[in-house]
Amino acid sequence: MELLIFNSMSIAASWDSIIAICIGIAFGFVLESSGFSSSRKMAGVFYGYDFAVLKVFFTAAVVAVIGIYYLDYLGYVDITKLYIHPTYVWGAIIGGAIMGVGFVAGGFCPGTSLCGVAIGKIDAWVYLVGLLIGIFIFSELYAFFEPIYNGYSLGNVTLIDSFGWNPYWIIFIFSIIAIVAFVVSDIVRKKIKKVFY
């Protein structure tokens, strides 16, 4: 039997699907409670009138990275055994640009579009259909896209690996960037609000 090991605590692999479903339900509940099923709120970050998306996801990233390294420090998690997704530079740049355009045009990201679908929003259904068409085209033309998709691979690297810095300095800098982003986004939102409202 495969086990997910957190030093003294073990979780059987047979629980994977149950845990994933519970996390998915909780994530969907939080997204909907935060208003992220609204395309106006989601697109607001690009137009400068609502930065809730930036704040929530920046906060989630900062809390997660601090939490993981703190658990590693306490000995509950071995950070060297965590999976790091490989970095493909061209795929990340081109995929990020396509998703960014889709985000602005549709007002959803893939996860929040499913939130919108779950509560019956027509624009979310349209976005999801477009998403599925895009997935179908990509899968059918994978042989054509494969050199771009797998192009310029850097392997399983992190910022810490890239710069060779102490991870705690990276966390500190990332936290400062988040705080600055929060302050700047509030200034921008107030200026946009004065102009348009």
Protein backbone atom coordinates (compact mmCIF):
# COMPACT_ATOMS: atom_id res chain seq x y z
CA MET A 1 0.00 0.00 0.00
CA GLU A 2 1.31 3.42 -1.00
CA LEU A 3 1.49 5.97 1.77
CA LEU A 4 1.81 9.73 1.79
CA ILE A 5 4.21 10.26 4.68
CA PHE A 6 4.43 13.34 6.90
CA ASN A 7 7.13 11.90 9.19
CA SER A 8 5.10 10.38 12.02
CA MET A 9 1.72 10.71 10.25
CA SER A 10 0.70 8.52 7.28
CA ILE A 11 -2.26 8.83 4.90
CA ALA A 12 -3.17 5.78 2.78
CA ALA A 13 -3.21 6.38 -1.00
CA SER A 14 -6.78 5.00 -1.10
CA TRP A 15 -7.88 8.28 0.52
CA ASP A 16 -6.48 10.40 -2.35
CA SER A 17 -9.79 10.78 -4.23
CA ILE A 18 -11.80 11.51 -1.06
CA ILE A 19 -9.31 14.14 0.08
CA ALA A 20 -9.26 15.68 -3.43
CA ILE A 21 -13.08 15.90 -3.52
CA CYS A 22 -13.21 17.51 -0.05
CA ILE A 23 -10.51 20.05 -0.99
CA GLY A 24 -12.32 20.76 -4.28
CA ILE A 25 -15.64 21.39 -2.53
CA ALA A 26 -13.96 23.65 0.03
CA PHE A 27 -12.09 25.53 -2.72
CA GLY A 28 -15.29 26.02 -4.72
CA PHE A 29 -17.14 27.24 -1.62
CA VAL A 30 -14.39 29.77 -0.87
CA LEU A 31 -14.33 31.00 -4.50
CA GLU A 32 -18.09 31.47 -4.58
CA SER A 33 -18.18 33.08 -1.11
CA SER A 34 -15.47 35.52 -2.25
CA GLY A 35 -17.55 36.51 -5.27
CA PHE A 36 -15.13 34.94 -7.75
CA SER A 37 -17.97 33.47 -9.80
CA SER A 38 -18.62 37.05 -10.99
CA SER A 39 -16.88 37.90 -14.26
CA ARG A 40 -16.94 41.61 -13.31
CA LYS A 41 -14.98 40.93 -10.12
CA MET A 42 -12.53 38.67 -11.93
CA ALA A 43 -11.88 41.13 -14.77
CA GLY A 44 -11.76 44.06 -12.32
CA VAL A 45 -8.07 43.50 -11.64
CA PHE A 46 -7.26 44.28 -15.30
CA TYR A 47 -9.42 47.41 -15.37
CA GLY A 48 -8.26 48.68 -11.98
CA TYR A 49 -11.56 48.83 -10.09
CA ASP A 50 -11.32 45.60 -8.06
CA PHE A 51 -8.11 43.89 -6.89
CA ALA A 52 -9.69 41.15 -4.77
CA VAL A 53 -8.29 38.46 -7.10
CA LEU A 54 -4.73 39.75 -6.79
CA LYS A 55 -5.02 40.05 -3.01
CA VAL A 56 -6.55 36.61 -2.46
CA PHE A 57 -4.10 34.73 -4.65
CA PHE A 58 -1.06 36.68 -3.42
CA THR A 59 -2.16 35.98 0.17
CA ALA A 60 -2.68 32.29 -0.62
CA ALA A 61 0.81 32.04 -2.17
CA VAL A 62 2.52 33.80 0.74
CA VAL A 63 0.67 31.79 3.40
CA ALA A 64 1.36 28.52 1.54
CA VAL A 65 5.09 29.11 1.10
CA ILE A 66 5.53 30.26 4.71
CA GLY A 67 3.44 27.31 5.93
CA ILE A 68 5.37 24.72 3.91
CA TYR A 69 8.77 25.98 5.04
CA TYR A 70 7.58 26.26 8.64
CA LEU A 71 6.33 22.66 8.58
CA ASP A 72 9.67 21.64 7.06
CA TYR A 73 11.48 23.53 9.85
CA LEU A 74 9.38 21.74 12.48
CA GLY A 75 10.09 18.39 10.81
CA TYR A 76 6.52 17.55 9.76
CA VAL A 77 7.22 17.83 6.00
CA ASP A 78 10.37 17.05 4.03
CA ILE A 79 10.45 19.85 1.48
CA THR A 80 13.03 18.05 -0.66
CA LYS A 81 10.44 15.35 -1.42
CA LEU A 82 7.73 17.71 -2.68
CA TYR A 83 6.95 17.52 -6.40
CA ILE A 84 8.12 20.50 -8.45
CA HIS A 85 6.43 20.82 -11.84
CA PRO A 86 8.98 21.14 -14.69
CA THR A 87 9.45 24.60 -16.17
CA TYR A 88 8.95 24.91 -19.93
CA VAL A 89 9.72 28.52 -20.79
CA TRP A 90 7.94 28.84 -24.17
CA GLY A 91 4.90 26.94 -22.99
CA ALA A 92 4.68 29.16 -19.91
CA ILE A 93 5.05 32.41 -21.86
CA ILE A 94 2.67 31.56 -24.72
CA GLY A 95 0.18 29.71 -22.48
CA GLY A 96 0.24 32.58 -19.98
CA ALA A 97 -0.43 35.13 -22.75
CA ILE A 98 -3.35 33.08 -24.13
CA MET A 99 -4.84 32.61 -20.67
CA GLY A 100 -4.37 36.31 -19.90
CA VAL A 101 -6.29 37.31 -23.04
CA GLY A 102 -9.00 34.77 -22.23
CA PHE A 103 -9.15 36.04 -18.65
CA VAL A 104 -9.71 39.65 -19.76
CA ALA A 105 -12.10 38.76 -22.60
CA GLY A 106 -14.20 36.26 -20.66
CA GLY A 107 -13.81 37.46 -17.09
CA PHE A 108 -13.01 33.99 -15.78
CA CYS A 109 -10.09 31.65 -15.22
CA PRO A 110 -10.72 27.89 -15.66
CA GLY A 111 -11.46 27.33 -11.96
CA THR A 112 -13.78 30.29 -11.48
CA SER A 113 -15.65 29.48 -14.72
CA LEU A 114 -16.65 26.15 -13.15
CA CYS A 115 -17.85 28.07 -10.08
CA GLY A 116 -20.00 30.20 -12.38
CA VAL A 117 -21.31 27.10 -14.18
CA ALA A 118 -22.23 25.53 -10.83
CA ILE A 119 -24.57 28.45 -10.03
CA GLY A 120 -25.97 28.65 -13.58
CA LYS A 121 -24.25 31.72 -15.05
CA ILE A 122 -24.69 31.83 -18.86
CA ASP A 123 -21.40 33.68 -19.46
CA ALA A 124 -19.56 31.00 -17.49
CA TRP A 125 -21.17 28.28 -19.64
CA VAL A 126 -20.03 30.11 -22.80
CA TYR A 127 -16.52 30.44 -21.35
CA LEU A 128 -16.46 26.73 -20.44
CA VAL A 129 -17.54 25.72 -23.97
CA GLY A 130 -14.71 27.87 -25.37
CA LEU A 131 -12.31 26.25 -22.89
CA LEU A 132 -13.36 22.75 -23.98
CA ILE A 133 -13.03 23.68 -27.67
CA GLY A 134 -9.52 24.98 -26.96
CA ILE A 135 -8.59 21.76 -25.14
CA PHE A 136 -9.95 19.69 -28.05
CA ILE A 137 -7.99 21.69 -30.65
CA PHE A 138 -4.80 21.46 -28.59
CA SER A 139 -5.16 17.70 -28.11
CA GLU A 140 -5.90 17.08 -31.80
CA LEU A 141 -2.97 19.23 -32.96
CA TYR A 142 -0.60 18.19 -30.16
CA ALA A 143 2.02 16.93 -32.63
CA PHE A 144 2.16 20.46 -34.09
CA PHE A 145 2.24 22.21 -30.68
CA GLU A 146 4.55 19.71 -28.96
CA PRO A 147 7.86 21.48 -29.82
CA ILE A 148 6.48 24.69 -28.28
CA TYR A 149 4.82 22.89 -25.36
CA ASN A 150 8.04 21.11 -24.38
CA GLY A 151 10.40 23.80 -25.68
CA TYR A 152 13.21 25.30 -23.63
CA SER A 153 12.84 23.04 -20.61
CA LEU A 154 14.62 24.16 -17.44
CA GLY A 155 13.65 21.03 -15.52
CA ASN A 156 12.25 20.94 -11.98
CA VAL A 157 13.63 24.29 -10.86
CA THR A 158 12.46 26.91 -8.38
CA LEU A 159 13.46 30.54 -7.81
CA ILE A 160 15.59 29.30 -4.95
CA ASP A 161 17.46 26.97 -7.33
CA SER A 162 17.78 29.68 -9.98
CA PHE A 163 19.30 32.33 -7.73
CA GLY A 164 21.03 30.05 -5.24
CA TRP A 165 19.68 32.18 -2.40
CA ASN A 166 18.60 31.16 1.07
CA PRO A 167 14.89 30.18 0.78
CA TYR A 168 13.98 32.39 3.73
CA TRP A 169 15.27 35.44 1.86
CA ILE A 170 13.10 34.51 -1.14
CA ILE A 171 10.08 34.20 1.16
CA PHE A 172 10.86 37.55 2.78
CA ILE A 173 11.25 39.31 -0.60
CA PHE A 174 8.06 37.67 -1.92
CA SER A 175 6.17 38.85 1.18
CA ILE A 176 7.45 42.42 0.69
CA ILE A 177 6.38 42.31 -2.98
CA ALA A 178 2.90 41.18 -1.87
CA ILE A 179 2.60 44.04 0.64
CA VAL A 180 3.74 46.59 -1.97
CA ALA A 181 1.27 45.13 -4.48
CA PHE A 182 -1.56 45.49 -1.94
CA VAL A 183 -0.67 49.15 -1.24
CA VAL A 184 -0.27 50.05 -4.92
CA SER A 185 -3.50 48.26 -5.89
CA ASP A 186 -5.42 50.24 -3.25
CA ILE A 187 -4.00 53.52 -4.59
CA VAL A 188 -4.92 52.56 -8.18
CA ARG A 189 -8.43 51.43 -7.16
CA LYS A 190 -9.11 54.74 -5.38
CA LYS A 191 -7.93 56.75 -8.39
CA ILE A 192 -10.05 54.69 -10.80
CA LYS A 193 -13.04 55.01 -8.49
CA LYS A 194 -12.71 58.84 -8.45
CA VAL A 195 -12.49 58.99 -12.25
CA PHE A 196 -15.36 56.65 -13.12
CA TYR A 197 -17.63 56.73 -10.09
